[in-house]
Each structure stands twice: as C-alpha cells, then as structure tokens.
C-alpha cells in the first residue's frame, strides 16, 4: 500500500457517504491506497451508513469502531497505527475530494523526496456544494488534506 487515508468520524450521517465515495472514485489504482475510517462512538446513523459501504467492490475500505468516544487526536492515532502505508493523509468526514487528489499528492511526494509533508489548497462550499471560496492552504491552513 502506498497511501492510507485516515477519516475520523463522529455523527456525520449526512456527509460520510459522500466523503468515502469521493475517495473510492480516485484515479489511483485501488491496490495503491486504503481508506481507514475510525468511527469514534457515533450515536446517529453513521454506523448504518458505514456498514452499507462495506462490500466486495470496496476492498480497500477498512472501518474501525472505537468502543467509546476517544476524541479526534486519539482516533487519528488509532487510524495511523492501523496503516501499513508509506504515506498518510487525513480527510475530515464532511470533506469530499477531487478524483485526482491522492494521485497528485502521492506523485508529488515521490518525486520530491526532500519534502516530508505536502498540503493543498481547498474550496469552501455551502450545503448545495456551491463553491464559496478557494482557500490558499498557506494563508489558512487546516489539519486535513495534508499528506506526510
């Protein structure tokens, strides 16, 4: 495995399926990446949605259930420890990504091995997925979308 995508999730029944679908539809060979979802004690329908996404076509999707709500930092560590990949990227459960997201980030790091981490610009969108603003990651950094 080249890349592991870590998605911590807590009560995101509205967005988690869109997030995972956007990652499953990457233009990177599925054998090169896995998606590790860490369900951090969700009490809404997140569990049901995650279960519905488990099928033989999604072999690179792994779901970890925390026995209780551990919080974001510990859930991220659970996901990182479950990875065997060269690269790790974090995505929030309400995000969705372009189909070239993983391939671009992975390729850039492979050809620039003096760089330890890479972030990318992102779009802020409204509930209808209309783009509100393109954000420069250097001016307004966020924790997700960074590969290391």
C-alpha atoms as a PDB file:
ATOM      1  CA  UNK A   1       0.000   0.000   0.000  1.00  0.00           C
ATOM      2  CA  UNK A   2       1.297   3.446  -0.880  1.00  0.00           C
ATOM      3  CA  UNK A   3      -1.275   5.758   0.764  1.00  0.00           C
ATOM      4  CA  UNK A   4      -3.628   5.419   3.714  1.00  0.00           C
ATOM      5  CA  UNK A   5      -6.436   7.914   4.054  1.00  0.00           C
ATOM      6  CA  UNK A   6      -7.468   8.334   7.682  1.00  0.00           C
ATOM      7  CA  UNK A   7     -11.030   9.556   8.288  1.00  0.00           C
ATOM      8  CA  UNK A   8     -12.081  10.105  11.908  1.00  0.00           C
ATOM      9  CA  UNK A   9     -15.870  10.303  12.115  1.00  0.00           C
ATOM     10  CA  UNK A  10     -18.328  11.279  14.823  1.00  0.00           C
ATOM     11  CA  UNK A  11     -22.012  11.733  13.995  1.00  0.00           C
ATOM     12  CA  UNK A  12     -21.640  12.644  10.333  1.00  0.00           C
ATOM     13  CA  UNK A  13     -24.531  10.653   8.850  1.00  0.00           C
ATOM     14  CA  UNK A  14     -25.218  13.481   6.407  1.00  0.00           C
ATOM     15  CA  UNK A  15     -21.741  13.623   4.833  1.00  0.00           C
ATOM     16  CA  UNK A  16     -19.733  10.442   5.441  1.00  0.00           C
ATOM     17  CA  UNK A  17     -21.012   8.503   2.403  1.00  0.00           C
ATOM     18  CA  UNK A  18     -20.143  11.387   0.058  1.00  0.00           C
ATOM     19  CA  UNK A  19     -16.685  11.604   1.615  1.00  0.00           C
ATOM     20  CA  UNK A  20     -15.961   7.902   1.190  1.00  0.00           C
ATOM     21  CA  UNK A  21     -17.426   7.746  -2.339  1.00  0.00           C
ATOM     22  CA  UNK A  22     -15.148  10.596  -3.425  1.00  0.00           C
ATOM     23  CA  UNK A  23     -12.158   8.632  -2.133  1.00  0.00           C
ATOM     24  CA  UNK A  24     -13.258   5.323  -3.648  1.00  0.00           C
ATOM     25  CA  UNK A  25     -13.513   7.083  -7.034  1.00  0.00           C
ATOM     26  CA  UNK A  26      -9.876   8.166  -7.146  1.00  0.00           C
ATOM     27  CA  UNK A  27      -7.926   7.758 -10.383  1.00  0.00           C
ATOM     28  CA  UNK A  28      -5.276   5.912  -8.395  1.00  0.00           C
ATOM     29  CA  UNK A  29      -5.250   2.125  -8.609  1.00  0.00           C
ATOM     30  CA  UNK A  30      -7.215   0.796  -5.594  1.00  0.00           C
ATOM     31  CA  UNK A  31      -4.295  -1.513  -4.779  1.00  0.00           C
ATOM     32  CA  UNK A  32      -2.197   1.595  -4.022  1.00  0.00           C
ATOM     33  CA  UNK A  33      -4.382   3.093  -1.300  1.00  0.00           C
ATOM     34  CA  UNK A  34      -6.692   2.209   1.513  1.00  0.00           C
ATOM     35  CA  UNK A  35      -9.293   4.176   3.403  1.00  0.00           C
ATOM     36  CA  UNK A  36      -9.307   3.752   7.167  1.00  0.00           C
ATOM     37  CA  UNK A  37     -12.435   5.123   8.822  1.00  0.00           C
ATOM     38  CA  UNK A  38     -12.299   5.431  12.603  1.00  0.00           C
ATOM     39  CA  UNK A  39     -15.836   5.665  13.965  1.00  0.00           C
ATOM     40  CA  UNK A  40     -15.423   7.485  17.254  1.00  0.00           C
ATOM     41  CA  UNK A  41     -18.602   6.406  19.035  1.00  0.00           C
ATOM     42  CA  UNK A  42     -21.207   7.882  16.675  1.00  0.00           C
ATOM     43  CA  UNK A  43     -24.748   7.841  18.050  1.00  0.00           C
ATOM     44  CA  UNK A  44     -26.578   8.850  14.852  1.00  0.00           C
ATOM     45  CA  UNK A  45     -26.931   6.701  11.685  1.00  0.00           C
ATOM     46  CA  UNK A  46     -23.237   6.920  10.793  1.00  0.00           C
ATOM     47  CA  UNK A  47     -22.809   3.224  11.744  1.00  0.00           C
ATOM     48  CA  UNK A  48     -25.536   2.117   9.322  1.00  0.00           C
ATOM     49  CA  UNK A  49     -24.093   4.180   6.501  1.00  0.00           C
ATOM     50  CA  UNK A  50     -20.610   2.783   7.081  1.00  0.00           C
ATOM     51  CA  UNK A  51     -21.971  -0.783   7.119  1.00  0.00           C
ATOM     52  CA  UNK A  52     -23.782  -0.149   3.821  1.00  0.00           C
ATOM     53  CA  UNK A  53     -20.484   0.810   2.168  1.00  0.00           C
ATOM     54  CA  UNK A  54     -18.764  -2.459   3.065  1.00  0.00           C
ATOM     55  CA  UNK A  55     -18.894  -4.758   0.047  1.00  0.00           C
ATOM     56  CA  UNK A  56     -16.512  -6.806  -2.121  1.00  0.00           C
ATOM     57  CA  UNK A  57     -16.042  -3.872  -4.528  1.00  0.00           C
ATOM     58  CA  UNK A  58     -14.645  -1.721  -1.718  1.00  0.00           C
ATOM     59  CA  UNK A  59     -11.799  -3.987  -0.616  1.00  0.00           C
ATOM     60  CA  UNK A  60      -9.623  -1.026   0.310  1.00  0.00           C
ATOM     61  CA  UNK A  61     -12.160   0.321   2.836  1.00  0.00           C
ATOM     62  CA  UNK A  62     -11.498  -0.539   6.474  1.00  0.00           C
ATOM     63  CA  UNK A  63     -13.759   0.525   9.333  1.00  0.00           C
ATOM     64  CA  UNK A  64     -12.539   0.661  12.925  1.00  0.00           C
ATOM     65  CA  UNK A  65     -15.070   1.114  15.723  1.00  0.00           C
ATOM     66  CA  UNK A  66     -13.821   2.808  18.863  1.00  0.00           C
ATOM     67  CA  UNK A  67     -15.531   1.244  21.898  1.00  0.00           C
ATOM     68  CA  UNK A  68     -16.302   4.759  23.140  1.00  0.00           C
ATOM     69  CA  UNK A  69     -15.690   8.353  22.107  1.00  0.00           C
ATOM     70  CA  UNK A  70     -11.909   8.806  22.291  1.00  0.00           C
ATOM     71  CA  UNK A  71     -11.761  12.253  20.667  1.00  0.00           C
ATOM     72  CA  UNK A  72     -10.071  13.405  17.496  1.00  0.00           C
ATOM     73  CA  UNK A  73      -6.356  13.075  18.377  1.00  0.00           C
ATOM     74  CA  UNK A  74      -6.657   9.547  19.740  1.00  0.00           C
ATOM     75  CA  UNK A  75      -8.902   8.463  16.843  1.00  0.00           C
ATOM     76  CA  UNK A  76      -6.329   9.767  14.371  1.00  0.00           C
ATOM     77  CA  UNK A  77      -3.635   7.791  16.180  1.00  0.00           C
ATOM     78  CA  UNK A  78      -5.810   4.653  16.021  1.00  0.00           C
ATOM     79  CA  UNK A  79      -6.072   5.109  12.254  1.00  0.00           C
ATOM     80  CA  UNK A  80      -2.369   5.806  11.782  1.00  0.00           C
ATOM     81  CA  UNK A  81      -1.434   2.712  13.808  1.00  0.00           C
ATOM     82  CA  UNK A  82      -3.728   0.611  11.582  1.00  0.00           C
ATOM     83  CA  UNK A  83      -1.887   1.768   8.456  1.00  0.00           C
ATOM     84  CA  UNK A  84       0.946  -0.061   6.732  1.00  0.00           C
ATOM     85  CA  UNK A  85       1.385   2.573   4.038  1.00  0.00           C
ATOM     86  CA  UNK A  86       4.305   4.747   3.085  1.00  0.00           C
ATOM     87  CA  UNK A  87       2.146   7.893   3.103  1.00  0.00           C
ATOM     88  CA  UNK A  88      -0.697   9.047   5.359  1.00  0.00           C
ATOM     89  CA  UNK A  89      -3.306  11.662   4.515  1.00  0.00           C
ATOM     90  CA  UNK A  90      -6.077  12.875   6.775  1.00  0.00           C
ATOM     91  CA  UNK A  91      -9.514  13.754   5.448  1.00  0.00           C
ATOM     92  CA  UNK A  92     -12.394  15.017   7.578  1.00  0.00           C
ATOM     93  CA  UNK A  93     -15.672  13.117   7.403  1.00  0.00           C
ATOM     94  CA  UNK A  94     -17.546  16.068   5.907  1.00  0.00           C
ATOM     95  CA  UNK A  95     -14.982  16.621   3.134  1.00  0.00           C
ATOM     96  CA  UNK A  96     -15.055  15.345  -0.407  1.00  0.00           C
ATOM     97  CA  UNK A  97     -12.136  15.352  -2.800  1.00  0.00           C
ATOM     98  CA  UNK A  98     -11.322  15.584  -6.470  1.00  0.00           C
ATOM     99  CA  UNK A  99     -10.679  12.280  -8.262  1.00  0.00           C
ATOM    100  CA  UNK A 100      -7.007  13.300  -8.737  1.00  0.00           C
ATOM    101  CA  UNK A 101      -6.442  14.159  -5.070  1.00  0.00           C
ATOM    102  CA  UNK A 102      -4.466  11.110  -3.935  1.00  0.00           C
ATOM    103  CA  UNK A 103      -2.584  10.562  -7.180  1.00  0.00           C
ATOM    104  CA  UNK A 104      -1.374  14.154  -7.302  1.00  0.00           C
ATOM    105  CA  UNK A 105      -0.245  14.276  -3.669  1.00  0.00           C
ATOM    106  CA  UNK A 106       1.431  10.854  -3.792  1.00  0.00           C
ATOM    107  CA  UNK A 107       3.224  11.566  -7.068  1.00  0.00           C
ATOM    108  CA  UNK A 108       4.472  14.946  -5.884  1.00  0.00           C
ATOM    109  CA  UNK A 109       5.991  13.449  -2.733  1.00  0.00           C
ATOM    110  CA  UNK A 110       7.539  10.547  -4.648  1.00  0.00           C
ATOM    111  CA  UNK A 111       9.363  12.943  -6.980  1.00  0.00           C
ATOM    112  CA  UNK A 112      10.304  15.392  -4.242  1.00  0.00           C
ATOM    113  CA  UNK A 113      11.625  13.146  -1.507  1.00  0.00           C
ATOM    114  CA  UNK A 114      13.279  16.024   0.335  1.00  0.00           C
ATOM    115  CA  UNK A 115       9.762  17.142   1.346  1.00  0.00           C
ATOM    116  CA  UNK A 116       8.244  15.469   4.395  1.00  0.00           C
ATOM    117  CA  UNK A 117       4.691  16.729   4.014  1.00  0.00           C
ATOM    118  CA  UNK A 118       2.503  18.445   1.474  1.00  0.00           C
ATOM    119  CA  UNK A 119      -0.763  20.343   1.750  1.00  0.00           C
ATOM    120  CA  UNK A 120      -3.132  21.568  -0.903  1.00  0.00           C
ATOM    121  CA  UNK A 121      -5.492  24.463  -1.413  1.00  0.00           C
ATOM    122  CA  UNK A 122      -9.153  23.740  -0.827  1.00  0.00           C
ATOM    123  CA  UNK A 123     -12.616  25.056  -1.610  1.00  0.00           C
ATOM    124  CA  UNK A 124     -15.189  26.148   0.922  1.00  0.00           C
ATOM    125  CA  UNK A 125     -18.655  25.084  -0.205  1.00  0.00           C
ATOM    126  CA  UNK A 126     -22.193  25.618   1.028  1.00  0.00           C
ATOM    127  CA  UNK A 127     -24.842  22.956   1.724  1.00  0.00           C
ATOM    128  CA  UNK A 128     -25.630  22.746  -2.018  1.00  0.00           C
ATOM    129  CA  UNK A 129     -21.947  22.172  -2.798  1.00  0.00           C
ATOM    130  CA  UNK A 130     -21.680  25.569  -4.493  1.00  0.00           C
ATOM    131  CA  UNK A 131     -18.128  26.880  -4.274  1.00  0.00           C
ATOM    132  CA  UNK A 132     -17.948  29.890  -1.994  1.00  0.00           C
ATOM    133  CA  UNK A 133     -14.216  30.437  -1.949  1.00  0.00           C
ATOM    134  CA  UNK A 134     -10.890  28.925  -2.964  1.00  0.00           C
ATOM    135  CA  UNK A 135      -8.604  28.975   0.060  1.00  0.00           C
ATOM    136  CA  UNK A 136      -4.821  29.126  -0.024  1.00  0.00           C
ATOM    137  CA  UNK A 137      -3.582  26.464   2.404  1.00  0.00           C
ATOM    138  CA  UNK A 138      -0.568  28.573   3.356  1.00  0.00           C
ATOM    139  CA  UNK A 139      -2.740  31.514   4.374  1.00  0.00           C
ATOM    140  CA  UNK A 140      -5.452  29.458   6.144  1.00  0.00           C
ATOM    141  CA  UNK A 141      -4.013  26.038   6.993  1.00  0.00           C
ATOM    142  CA  UNK A 142      -6.277  23.225   8.135  1.00  0.00           C
ATOM    143  CA  UNK A 143      -5.470  19.787   9.514  1.00  0.00           C
ATOM    144  CA  UNK A 144      -6.961  17.741   6.695  1.00  0.00           C
ATOM    145  CA  UNK A 145      -5.689  17.345   3.144  1.00  0.00           C
ATOM    146  CA  UNK A 146      -2.070  17.081   4.296  1.00  0.00           C
ATOM    147  CA  UNK A 147      -0.061  14.069   3.180  1.00  0.00           C
ATOM    148  CA  UNK A 148       3.067  13.043   5.045  1.00  0.00           C
END
